[in-house]
Protein backbone atom coordinates (compact mmCIF):
# COMPACT_ATOMS: atom_id res chain seq x y z
CA UNK A 1 13.54 18.90 -19.28
CA UNK A 2 15.67 16.36 -17.45
CA UNK A 3 16.00 18.66 -14.44
CA UNK A 4 12.24 19.03 -14.31
CA UNK A 5 11.75 15.24 -14.32
CA UNK A 6 14.35 14.84 -11.56
CA UNK A 7 12.62 17.54 -9.53
CA UNK A 8 9.22 15.87 -9.91
CA UNK A 9 10.67 12.49 -8.92
CA UNK A 10 12.38 13.97 -5.86
CA UNK A 11 9.20 15.68 -4.76
CA UNK A 12 7.18 12.48 -5.18
CA UNK A 13 9.68 10.44 -3.14
CA UNK A 14 9.70 13.08 -0.39
CA UNK A 15 5.91 13.27 -0.38
CA UNK A 16 5.64 9.48 -0.11
CA UNK A 17 7.92 9.46 2.93
CA UNK A 18 5.96 12.30 4.53
CA UNK A 19 2.66 10.54 3.79
CA UNK A 20 3.93 7.33 5.38
CA UNK A 21 5.17 9.22 8.46
CA UNK A 22 1.78 10.94 8.69
CA UNK A 23 0.09 7.53 8.80
CA UNK A 24 2.22 6.45 11.76
CA UNK A 25 1.78 9.79 13.54
CA UNK A 26 -1.99 9.75 13.10
CA UNK A 27 -2.20 6.24 14.53
CA UNK A 28 -0.02 7.13 17.52
CA UNK A 29 -1.91 10.35 18.24
CA UNK A 30 -5.33 8.76 18.13
CA UNK A 31 -4.21 5.68 20.03
CA UNK A 32 -2.38 7.58 22.78
CA UNK A 33 -4.47 10.72 23.17
CA UNK A 34 -8.04 9.75 22.31
CA UNK A 35 -9.80 8.32 25.38
CA UNK A 36 -12.70 6.99 23.33
CA UNK A 37 -10.37 5.01 21.07
CA UNK A 38 -8.40 3.82 24.09
CA UNK A 39 -11.57 2.46 25.73
CA UNK A 40 -12.76 0.89 22.48
CA UNK A 41 -9.41 -0.85 22.04
CA UNK A 42 -9.50 -2.15 25.62
CA UNK A 43 -12.99 -3.53 25.02
CA UNK A 44 -11.84 -5.36 21.91
CA UNK A 45 -8.97 -6.82 23.90
CA UNK A 46 -11.28 -8.24 26.56
CA UNK A 47 -13.67 -9.58 23.92
CA UNK A 48 -10.89 -11.78 22.52
CA UNK A 49 -11.16 -15.28 24.06
CA UNK A 50 -7.43 -15.88 24.52
CA UNK A 51 -6.71 -12.40 25.86
CA UNK A 52 -9.71 -12.56 28.20
CA UNK A 53 -8.49 -15.88 29.60
CA UNK A 54 -4.97 -14.50 30.11
CA UNK A 55 -6.33 -11.40 31.91
CA UNK A 56 -8.58 -13.59 34.04
CA UNK A 57 -5.66 -15.79 35.08
CA UNK A 58 -3.64 -12.70 36.00
CA UNK A 59 -6.48 -11.39 38.18
CA UNK A 60 -6.94 -14.78 39.87
CA UNK A 61 -3.23 -14.91 40.55
CA UNK A 62 -3.35 -11.50 42.23
CA UNK A 63 -6.42 -12.42 44.24
CA UNK A 64 -4.92 -15.60 45.65
CA UNK A 65 -1.39 -14.27 45.88
CA UNK A 66 -2.30 -12.13 48.88
CA UNK A 67 -3.09 -15.11 51.18
CA UNK A 68 -6.42 -13.46 51.95
CA UNK A 69 -8.32 -16.50 50.70
CA UNK A 70 -6.34 -18.93 52.86
CA UNK A 71 -6.79 -16.69 55.89
CA UNK A 72 -10.54 -16.49 55.39
CA UNK A 73 -10.79 -20.25 54.98
CA UNK A 74 -8.74 -20.76 58.14
CA UNK A 75 -11.18 -18.56 60.06
CA UNK A 76 -14.20 -20.42 58.67
CA UNK A 77 -12.88 -23.94 59.30
CA UNK A 78 -12.93 -25.66 62.70
CA UNK A 79 -9.59 -25.44 64.57
CA UNK A 80 -8.73 -29.05 63.85
CA UNK A 81 -9.22 -28.48 60.09
CA UNK A 82 -7.33 -25.18 59.97
CA UNK A 83 -4.22 -26.81 58.42
CA UNK A 84 -6.34 -27.64 55.39
CA UNK A 85 -6.92 -23.96 54.59
CA UNK A 86 -3.86 -23.76 52.34
CA UNK A 87 -4.69 -26.82 50.18
CA UNK A 88 -8.33 -25.74 50.05
CA UNK A 89 -7.30 -22.30 48.79
CA UNK A 90 -5.17 -23.92 46.10
CA UNK A 91 -8.08 -26.08 44.99
CA UNK A 92 -10.39 -23.07 44.95
CA UNK A 93 -7.83 -21.19 42.85
CA UNK A 94 -7.84 -23.96 40.25
CA UNK A 95 -11.63 -23.79 40.05
CA UNK A 96 -11.44 -20.01 39.68
CA UNK A 97 -8.85 -20.30 36.90
CA UNK A 98 -11.14 -22.60 34.90
CA UNK A 99 -13.94 -20.04 35.14
CA UNK A 100 -11.86 -16.91 34.72
CA UNK A 101 -12.61 -16.42 31.02
CA UNK A 102 -16.33 -16.97 31.49
CA UNK A 103 -16.57 -14.49 34.36
CA UNK A 104 -14.74 -11.76 32.45
CA UNK A 105 -16.98 -12.38 29.44
CA UNK A 106 -20.05 -11.01 31.21
CA UNK A 107 -21.46 -7.54 30.50
CA UNK A 108 -20.76 -6.43 34.06
CA UNK A 109 -17.09 -7.37 33.77
CA UNK A 110 -16.79 -5.61 30.41
CA UNK A 111 -18.33 -2.43 31.82
CA UNK A 112 -15.97 -2.54 34.81
CA UNK A 113 -13.00 -3.04 32.48
CA UNK A 114 -14.06 -0.12 30.27
CA UNK A 115 -14.62 2.14 33.28
CA UNK A 116 -11.20 1.27 34.72
CA UNK A 117 -9.47 1.98 31.41
CA UNK A 118 -11.34 5.24 30.86
CA UNK A 119 -10.46 6.46 34.35
CA UNK A 120 -6.80 5.49 33.93
CA UNK A 121 -6.53 7.16 30.53
CA UNK A 122 -8.13 10.40 31.67
CA UNK A 123 -5.80 10.44 34.67
CA UNK A 124 -2.86 9.85 32.35
CA UNK A 125 -3.80 12.78 30.12
CA UNK A 126 -4.51 15.03 33.10
CA UNK A 127 -1.10 14.38 34.65
CA UNK A 128 0.79 14.59 31.35
CA UNK A 129 -0.87 17.87 30.37
CA UNK A 130 -0.19 19.45 33.77
CA UNK A 131 2.84 21.58 34.55
CA UNK A 132 4.56 18.82 36.49
CA UNK A 133 4.41 15.24 35.23
CA UNK A 134 4.79 13.32 38.49
CA UNK A 135 3.23 10.42 40.29
CA UNK A 136 1.97 7.32 38.57
CA UNK A 137 -1.08 6.04 36.72
CA UNK A 138 -2.62 2.69 37.65
CA UNK A 139 -5.47 0.57 36.38
CA UNK A 140 -7.93 -0.10 39.22
CA UNK A 141 -8.76 -3.82 39.30
CA UNK A 142 -10.97 -3.84 42.40
CA UNK A 143 -14.22 -4.18 40.48
CA UNK A 144 -12.89 -7.12 38.48
CA UNK A 145 -11.42 -8.69 41.62
CA UNK A 146 -14.79 -8.37 43.35
CA UNK A 147 -16.63 -10.03 40.46
CA UNK A 148 -14.07 -12.81 40.30
CA UNK A 149 -14.31 -13.35 44.04
CA UNK A 150 -18.11 -13.46 43.96
CA UNK A 151 -18.07 -15.92 41.06
CA UNK A 152 -15.82 -18.31 43.04
CA UNK A 153 -17.81 -18.10 46.28
CA UNK A 154 -15.54 -15.78 48.24
CA UNK A 155 -17.02 -13.23 50.64
CA UNK A 156 -17.34 -9.64 49.46
CA UNK A 157 -14.94 -8.27 52.05
CA UNK A 158 -12.14 -10.52 50.78
CA UNK A 159 -11.22 -7.97 48.12
CA UNK A 160 -10.99 -5.19 50.72
CA UNK A 161 -8.14 -7.06 52.37
CA UNK A 162 -6.12 -7.39 49.17
CA UNK A 163 -2.98 -5.19 49.37
CA UNK A 164 -3.21 -2.00 47.23
CA UNK A 165 -0.26 -3.02 45.06
CA UNK A 166 -2.16 -6.17 44.04
CA UNK A 167 -5.51 -4.44 43.55
CA UNK A 168 -4.16 -2.19 40.81
CA UNK A 169 -1.96 -2.47 37.74
CA UNK A 170 0.62 0.27 37.21
CA UNK A 171 0.33 1.76 33.74
CA UNK A 172 2.99 4.47 33.90
CA UNK A 173 5.52 5.74 36.42
CA UNK A 174 7.07 9.19 36.81
CA UNK A 175 9.78 8.62 34.20
CA UNK A 176 7.24 7.16 31.77
CA UNK A 177 4.98 10.19 32.28
CA UNK A 178 7.80 12.59 31.44
CA UNK A 179 8.44 10.65 28.24
CA UNK A 180 4.70 10.65 27.50
CA UNK A 181 4.65 14.41 28.02
CA UNK A 182 7.39 14.89 25.45
CA UNK A 183 5.52 12.65 23.01
CA UNK A 184 2.30 14.56 23.62
CA UNK A 185 3.94 17.92 22.92
CA UNK A 186 5.34 16.51 19.68
CA UNK A 187 2.15 14.90 18.44
CA UNK A 188 0.02 17.98 19.12
CA UNK A 189 1.53 19.60 16.03
CA UNK A 190 3.56 17.04 14.11
CA UNK A 191 0.55 15.15 12.75
CA UNK A 192 -0.90 18.14 10.95
CA UNK A 193 2.53 19.43 9.94
CA UNK A 194 3.24 16.11 8.23
CA UNK A 195 -0.15 16.18 6.51
CA UNK A 196 0.30 19.74 5.22
CA UNK A 197 3.84 19.05 4.07
CA UNK A 198 2.83 15.82 2.29
CA UNK A 199 -0.06 17.48 0.45
CA UNK A 200 2.05 20.52 -0.41
CA UNK A 201 4.83 18.31 -1.77
CA UNK A 202 2.39 16.29 -3.89
CA UNK A 203 0.92 19.57 -5.17
CA UNK A 204 4.41 20.85 -5.98
CA UNK A 205 5.18 17.75 -8.02
CA UNK A 206 1.88 18.18 -9.86
CA UNK A 207 2.58 21.85 -10.61
CA UNK A 208 6.11 21.14 -11.83
CA UNK A 209 5.15 18.22 -14.06
CA UNK A 210 4.45 18.66 -17.76
CA UNK A 211 2.18 15.61 -17.88
CA UNK A 212 -0.13 16.23 -14.94
CA UNK A 213 -2.44 13.36 -15.69
CA UNK A 214 0.40 10.89 -15.46
CA UNK A 215 1.60 12.61 -12.28
CA UNK A 216 -1.85 12.16 -10.72
CA UNK A 217 -1.60 8.45 -11.50
CA UNK A 218 1.87 8.39 -9.93
CA UNK A 219 0.59 10.19 -6.81
CA UNK A 220 -2.08 7.54 -6.44
CA UNK A 221 0.62 4.88 -6.77
CA UNK A 222 2.68 6.64 -4.09
CA UNK A 223 -0.26 6.55 -1.68
CA UNK A 224 -0.75 2.85 -2.40
CA UNK A 225 2.97 2.25 -1.82
CA UNK A 226 2.79 4.13 1.50
CA UNK A 227 -0.12 1.91 2.53
CA UNK A 228 1.90 -1.22 1.78
CA UNK A 229 4.83 0.23 3.77
CA UNK A 230 2.58 0.86 6.78
CA UNK A 231 1.29 -2.71 6.71
CA UNK A 232 4.80 -4.10 6.26
CA UNK A 233 6.17 -2.19 9.25
CA UNK A 234 3.14 -3.26 11.30
CA UNK A 235 3.86 -6.89 10.48
CA UNK A 236 7.59 -6.63 11.21
CA UNK A 237 6.98 -4.80 14.50
CA UNK A 238 4.44 -7.43 15.51
CA UNK A 239 7.03 -10.17 14.97
CA UNK A 240 9.55 -8.22 17.05
CA UNK A 241 7.05 -7.82 19.90
CA UNK A 242 6.28 -11.55 19.87
CA UNK A 243 9.98 -12.44 19.89
CA UNK A 244 10.61 -10.05 22.79
CA UNK A 245 8.02 -11.93 24.84
CA UNK A 246 9.46 -15.36 24.06
CA UNK A 247 10.55 -15.83 27.68
CA UNK A 248 7.02 -15.21 28.96
CA UNK A 249 4.88 -18.07 27.59
CA UNK A 250 1.56 -16.68 28.83
CA UNK A 251 2.23 -13.30 27.22
CA UNK A 252 3.60 -14.81 24.04
CA UNK A 253 0.41 -16.82 23.55
CA UNK A 254 -1.70 -13.66 23.25
CA UNK A 255 0.94 -11.25 21.89
CA UNK A 256 -0.24 -11.64 18.28
CA UNK A 257 -3.87 -10.95 19.21
CA UNK A 258 -2.97 -7.97 21.38
CA UNK A 259 -0.78 -6.47 18.65
CA UNK A 260 -3.44 -7.00 15.97
CA UNK A 261 -6.10 -5.23 18.05
CA UNK A 262 -3.81 -2.47 19.30
CA UNK A 263 -2.71 -1.63 15.74
CA UNK A 264 -6.07 -2.11 14.05
CA UNK A 265 -6.26 1.67 13.58
CA UNK A 266 -2.93 1.60 11.74
CA UNK A 267 -4.33 -1.09 9.46
CA UNK A 268 -7.41 1.05 8.79
CA UNK A 269 -5.21 4.05 7.95
CA UNK A 270 -3.20 1.95 5.51
CA UNK A 271 -6.32 0.57 3.84
CA UNK A 272 -7.77 4.08 3.56
CA UNK A 273 -4.59 5.35 1.90
CA UNK A 274 -4.60 2.41 -0.51
CA UNK A 275 -8.25 2.94 -1.45
CA UNK A 276 -7.80 6.67 -2.07
CA UNK A 277 -4.68 6.00 -4.12
CA UNK A 278 -6.57 3.41 -6.15
CA UNK A 279 -9.25 5.97 -6.96
CA UNK A 280 -6.59 8.42 -8.16
CA UNK A 281 -4.94 5.78 -10.35
CA UNK A 282 -8.28 4.72 -11.84
CA UNK A 283 -9.39 8.31 -12.46
CA UNK A 284 -6.08 9.22 -14.10
CA UNK A 285 -6.15 6.11 -16.27
CA UNK A 286 -9.67 6.84 -17.53
CA UNK A 287 -8.49 10.27 -18.69
CA UNK A 288 -5.50 8.85 -20.56
CA UNK A 289 -4.86 8.27 -24.26
CA UNK A 290 -4.79 4.49 -23.96
CA UNK A 291 -6.90 2.44 -26.36
CA UNK A 292 -9.25 1.04 -23.72
CA UNK A 293 -9.65 4.37 -21.90
CA UNK A 294 -10.30 6.17 -25.19
CA UNK A 295 -12.85 3.57 -26.23
CA UNK A 296 -14.63 3.92 -22.90
CA UNK A 297 -14.81 7.70 -23.25
CA UNK A 298 -16.05 7.35 -26.82
CA UNK A 299 -18.80 4.98 -25.67
CA UNK A 300 -19.92 7.36 -22.94
CA UNK A 301 -19.61 10.55 -25.03
CA UNK A 302 -23.24 10.55 -26.20
CA UNK A 303 -24.62 10.06 -22.67
CA UNK A 304 -22.33 12.70 -21.22
CA UNK A 305 -23.44 15.17 -23.89
CA UNK A 306 -27.17 14.47 -24.00
CA UNK A 307 -27.80 13.29 -20.42
CA UNK A 308 -25.19 14.88 -18.12
CA UNK A 309 -27.47 14.56 -15.10
CA UNK A 310 -27.49 10.80 -15.51
CA UNK A 311 -23.72 10.62 -15.01
CA UNK A 312 -23.90 12.83 -11.93
CA UNK A 313 -26.69 10.70 -10.48
CA UNK A 314 -24.70 7.54 -11.13
CA UNK A 315 -21.67 9.02 -9.34
CA UNK A 316 -23.85 10.11 -6.40
CA UNK A 317 -25.28 6.59 -6.17
CA UNK A 318 -21.77 5.11 -6.21
CA UNK A 319 -20.68 7.43 -3.39
CA UNK A 320 -23.78 6.48 -1.40
CA UNK A 321 -22.97 2.79 -1.83
CA UNK A 322 -19.41 3.53 -0.68
CA UNK A 323 -20.79 5.17 2.48
CA UNK A 324 -23.09 2.21 3.16
CA UNK A 325 -20.24 -0.24 2.58
CA UNK A 326 -17.77 1.75 4.70
CA UNK A 327 -14.64 -0.26 3.88
CA UNK A 328 -12.28 2.22 5.59
CA UNK A 329 -12.74 4.87 8.33
CA UNK A 330 -12.69 7.94 6.06
CA UNK A 331 -15.70 6.62 4.14
CA UNK A 332 -17.64 6.80 7.42
CA UNK A 333 -16.52 10.31 8.38
CA UNK A 334 -18.43 13.37 7.21
CA UNK A 335 -15.27 15.33 6.39
CA UNK A 336 -13.70 12.39 4.55
CA UNK A 337 -16.67 11.63 2.34
CA UNK A 338 -17.25 15.38 1.74
CA UNK A 339 -13.68 15.86 0.44
CA UNK A 340 -13.95 12.75 -1.69
CA UNK A 341 -17.34 13.80 -3.11
CA UNK A 342 -16.02 17.25 -4.10
CA UNK A 343 -12.99 15.72 -5.82
CA UNK A 344 -15.10 13.04 -7.51
CA UNK A 345 -17.62 15.49 -8.97
CA UNK A 346 -14.84 17.86 -10.05
CA UNK A 347 -13.16 14.93 -11.82
CA UNK A 348 -16.46 13.92 -13.48
CA UNK A 349 -16.99 17.43 -14.85
CA UNK A 350 -13.42 17.56 -16.12
CA UNK A 351 -13.64 14.17 -17.82
CA UNK A 352 -17.01 15.15 -19.33
CA UNK A 353 -15.60 18.32 -20.88
CA UNK A 354 -12.54 16.43 -22.09
CA UNK A 355 -14.67 13.72 -23.67
CA UNK A 356 -16.99 16.19 -25.40
CA UNK A 357 -14.01 18.08 -26.75
CA UNK A 358 -12.54 14.88 -28.12
CA UNK A 359 -15.83 13.40 -29.43
CA UNK A 360 -18.18 16.36 -29.98
CA UNK A 361 -20.55 14.62 -32.43
CA UNK A 362 -20.38 11.02 -31.29
CA UNK A 363 -23.65 9.19 -32.09
CA UNK A 364 -25.31 6.91 -29.53
CA UNK A 365 -23.51 3.58 -29.19
CA UNK A 366 -24.89 0.74 -31.27
CA UNK A 367 -25.42 -2.66 -29.75
CA UNK A 368 -24.68 -5.40 -32.25
CA UNK A 369 -25.14 -9.12 -31.74
CA UNK A 370 -22.78 -9.95 -34.57
CA UNK A 371 -19.39 -11.31 -33.77
CA UNK A 372 -16.79 -8.64 -34.57
CA UNK A 373 -14.55 -9.33 -37.53
CA UNK A 374 -10.84 -9.69 -37.13
CA UNK A 375 -10.25 -6.50 -39.12
CA UNK A 376 -12.24 -4.41 -36.61
CA UNK A 377 -9.22 -4.26 -34.30
CA UNK A 378 -7.08 -2.87 -37.13
CA UNK A 379 -9.66 -0.21 -37.90
CA UNK A 380 -9.92 0.78 -34.23
CA UNK A 381 -6.16 1.11 -33.93
CA UNK A 382 -5.92 3.26 -37.07
CA UNK A 383 -8.76 5.40 -35.77
CA UNK A 384 -6.96 5.80 -32.43
CA UNK A 385 -3.78 6.96 -34.19
CA UNK A 386 -5.81 9.43 -36.23
CA UNK A 387 -7.42 10.79 -33.06
CA UNK A 388 -4.06 11.25 -31.36
CA UNK A 389 -2.80 13.04 -34.47
CA UNK A 390 -5.80 15.38 -34.55
CA UNK A 391 -5.35 16.20 -30.85
CA UNK A 392 -1.72 17.07 -31.40
CA UNK A 393 -0.34 14.23 -29.32
CA UNK A 394 1.40 12.87 -32.43
CA UNK A 395 2.92 15.15 -35.03
CA UNK A 396 2.73 14.31 -38.75
CA UNK A 397 6.00 12.38 -38.86
CA UNK A 398 5.18 10.39 -35.72
CA UNK A 399 1.71 9.62 -37.04
CA UNK A 400 3.04 8.36 -40.37
CA UNK A 401 5.72 6.30 -38.63
CA UNK A 402 3.27 4.70 -36.18
CA UNK A 403 0.77 4.02 -38.95
CA UNK A 404 3.38 2.42 -41.21
CA UNK A 405 4.73 0.28 -38.38
CA UNK A 406 1.24 -0.92 -37.51
CA UNK A 407 0.32 -1.78 -41.09
CA UNK A 408 3.64 -3.53 -41.60
CA UNK A 409 3.14 -5.65 -38.46
CA UNK A 410 -0.34 -6.55 -39.69
CA UNK A 411 0.97 -7.79 -43.05
CA UNK A 412 3.66 -9.87 -41.36
CA UNK A 413 1.14 -11.58 -39.11
CA UNK A 414 -1.02 -12.40 -42.13
CA UNK A 415 1.94 -13.90 -44.05
CA UNK A 416 2.82 -16.10 -41.08
């Protein structure tokens, strides 16, 4: 018996670790290898006011760093005013910096940003998946430079004279691509391996356990614990990223926002795990022998026996409301809601059969407006003990002992 309990506990701990690792792996895979998610994340970054301003300032700095603006002003000014080209360029740069966030907030700028990120990500995947991971991947900033130049009154050909190294932002070099290739090869299989192993380990714990209902509740708790662990690591890693950028004030100012957006998928995964675990805990509790759970099953016994379709319709309506609400990603995915619906209806049928077996002739519940007497709680507790005895949960000696202890405690409270 003790060995069995130790085995179940070991399997549950292992499954929790595997489930947590699966959460991290799923986030990394979808964030690194899914172009659509990459583009969506980049859009959210540019939609943030502080991040948009920081990106705009970086683009302005690159545009004016090349001395193209000063050269163009020197050509446009009369010879005697040519020495003023430098100060004029500086003044124009200050004006551009004040309008950088507004310019990047336009639909045209957002589309250019999304297109640049999509092109860079597809190039990254193409190089990494090839036989030889060489070269580099850069984010083309020419479209954004052109819009920024037009918004500050610069001629269109000014961007054409910007050096190539300033018109693009390097995303990955050759060494980085080789590392990315190794990561890609790992994540192609490790995500689903972790998922299969976690589910198999949970199933093993359930098969080995003598009290499977309690084990289901524990599995739900493990999933909730894994969700909390994911959120905790996300928070700690975010603090580390912010501290690492302490020497770069401009980056530090937006580091929290960037990290929150870049790891929003990890947060969604954690919330989804917590919600699913909560459903398991709730479902397992409702099937238990506790006083409140038993009373709830007794109350619903008549409806489950005489109107089973009503319970199924109520569950279908609840699932539909969950889809409309969509609190976590899996409630908005066809496969996720399909798996949940199958499990939910299987649980409903099981709890219905269990309730009818326990209360086969339960009459319809009576609604009384009278205030319950104090003795009603004693009667309910004695009835619960009798039910547990009839079901075989308590043997005769245990039943008599529990009954005597309860009656004795009741007399003592009355004497006091």
